[in-house]
Amino acid sequence: MELAQRASAQRLALERPAAEGQLDARQAARTSERHEVAAELSRLLVASGLSREDFAARLGASASRRSTYLSAKVVPSATLLVRAKAIARRAGTTARGS
């Protein structure tokens, strides 16, 4: 029985670092994805030609919420990203057509 317990403990000791490494890799991927979304939202803001305040207002978001999106502290919903693309497209077209 003691041998089986020792083998089990050794197996767990070997599996734990691998599992922790996978968690670190997943966390790194999530962080990268958050920053990618923030960069896309920032690109859309610039493409819109609107001020940060006007862009946030058209999104239906407060200035503080917009700030959390752009800093990657909060990831916006897919719906908000679709709305941001539409705002950038409409505002950008209007700005170029003026």
Protein backbone atom coordinates (compact mmCIF):
# COMPACT_ATOMS: atom_id res chain seq x y z
CA MET A 1 0.00 0.00 0.00
CA GLU A 2 2.83 2.38 0.84
CA LEU A 3 4.42 1.85 -2.57
CA ALA A 4 1.13 2.67 -4.34
CA GLN A 5 0.75 5.88 -2.31
CA ARG A 6 4.30 6.93 -3.09
CA ALA A 7 3.75 6.28 -6.81
CA SER A 8 0.54 8.30 -6.70
CA ALA A 9 2.28 11.19 -4.93
CA GLN A 10 5.10 11.15 -7.49
CA ARG A 11 2.60 11.16 -10.37
CA LEU A 12 0.79 14.15 -8.84
CA ALA A 13 4.09 15.95 -8.32
CA LEU A 14 4.91 15.50 -12.00
CA GLU A 15 1.43 16.45 -13.22
CA ARG A 16 1.12 19.60 -11.11
CA PRO A 17 3.86 21.62 -12.87
CA ALA A 18 2.49 20.61 -16.27
CA ALA A 19 -1.00 21.72 -15.24
CA GLU A 20 0.37 24.98 -13.86
CA GLY A 21 2.23 25.55 -17.12
CA GLN A 22 -0.99 25.05 -19.06
CA LEU A 23 -2.74 27.56 -16.78
CA ASP A 24 0.07 30.06 -17.36
CA ALA A 25 -0.20 29.56 -21.13
CA ARG A 26 -3.98 30.02 -21.03
CA GLN A 27 -3.64 33.15 -18.92
CA ALA A 28 -1.05 34.55 -21.33
CA ALA A 29 -3.38 33.82 -24.26
CA ARG A 30 -6.29 35.54 -22.51
CA THR A 31 -4.16 38.58 -21.78
CA SER A 32 -2.98 38.72 -25.38
CA GLU A 33 -6.56 38.42 -26.64
CA ARG A 34 -7.75 41.19 -24.29
CA HIS A 35 -5.07 43.51 -25.64
CA GLU A 36 -5.91 42.56 -29.22
CA VAL A 37 -9.57 43.49 -28.63
CA ALA A 38 -8.50 46.77 -26.99
CA ALA A 39 -6.25 47.55 -29.98
CA GLU A 40 -9.10 46.84 -32.40
CA LEU A 41 -11.43 49.12 -30.46
CA SER A 42 -8.75 51.82 -30.44
CA ARG A 43 -8.28 51.41 -34.20
CA LEU A 44 -12.04 51.78 -34.69
CA LEU A 45 -12.06 54.91 -32.55
CA VAL A 46 -9.34 56.48 -34.70
CA ALA A 47 -11.03 55.35 -37.93
CA SER A 48 -14.29 56.93 -36.83
CA GLY A 49 -12.68 60.37 -36.58
CA LEU A 50 -14.79 60.98 -33.48
CA SER A 51 -13.63 62.20 -30.11
CA ARG A 52 -13.38 59.58 -27.38
CA GLU A 53 -16.46 61.07 -25.72
CA ASP A 54 -18.55 61.04 -28.91
CA PHE A 55 -17.44 57.50 -29.75
CA ALA A 56 -18.37 56.31 -26.24
CA ALA A 57 -21.73 58.09 -26.41
CA ARG A 58 -22.57 56.46 -29.74
CA LEU A 59 -21.57 53.08 -28.32
CA GLY A 60 -23.88 53.68 -25.39
CA ALA A 61 -20.95 53.46 -22.99
CA SER A 62 -19.74 55.89 -20.37
CA ALA A 63 -16.33 57.49 -20.68
CA SER A 64 -15.05 55.40 -17.78
CA ARG A 65 -16.33 52.18 -19.36
CA ARG A 66 -14.73 53.13 -22.67
CA SER A 67 -11.48 53.67 -20.82
CA THR A 68 -11.64 50.16 -19.33
CA TYR A 69 -12.21 48.73 -22.81
CA LEU A 70 -9.26 50.61 -24.31
CA SER A 71 -6.96 49.62 -21.44
CA ALA A 72 -7.97 45.94 -21.76
CA LYS A 73 -9.23 45.85 -18.17
CA VAL A 74 -12.67 44.88 -19.45
CA VAL A 75 -13.45 43.02 -22.67
CA PRO A 76 -16.51 44.39 -24.46
CA SER A 77 -19.22 42.10 -25.74
CA ALA A 78 -19.26 40.95 -29.34
CA THR A 79 -22.36 43.10 -29.84
CA LEU A 80 -20.47 46.20 -28.75
CA LEU A 81 -17.64 45.42 -31.16
CA VAL A 82 -20.10 45.07 -34.03
CA ARG A 83 -21.65 48.40 -33.00
CA ALA A 84 -18.18 50.01 -32.85
CA LYS A 85 -17.41 48.79 -36.38
CA ALA A 86 -20.67 50.23 -37.67
CA ILE A 87 -20.03 53.56 -35.93
CA ALA A 88 -16.51 53.76 -37.34
CA ARG A 89 -17.75 52.90 -40.81
CA ARG A 90 -20.58 55.48 -40.74
CA ALA A 91 -18.60 58.24 -39.04
CA GLY A 92 -15.51 57.62 -41.18
CA THR A 93 -17.55 57.75 -44.38
CA THR A 94 -19.26 60.96 -43.26
CA ALA A 95 -15.93 62.55 -42.35
CA ARG A 96 -14.38 61.61 -45.70
CA GLY A 97 -17.45 62.70 -47.65
CA SER A 98 -17.51 66.16 -46.06
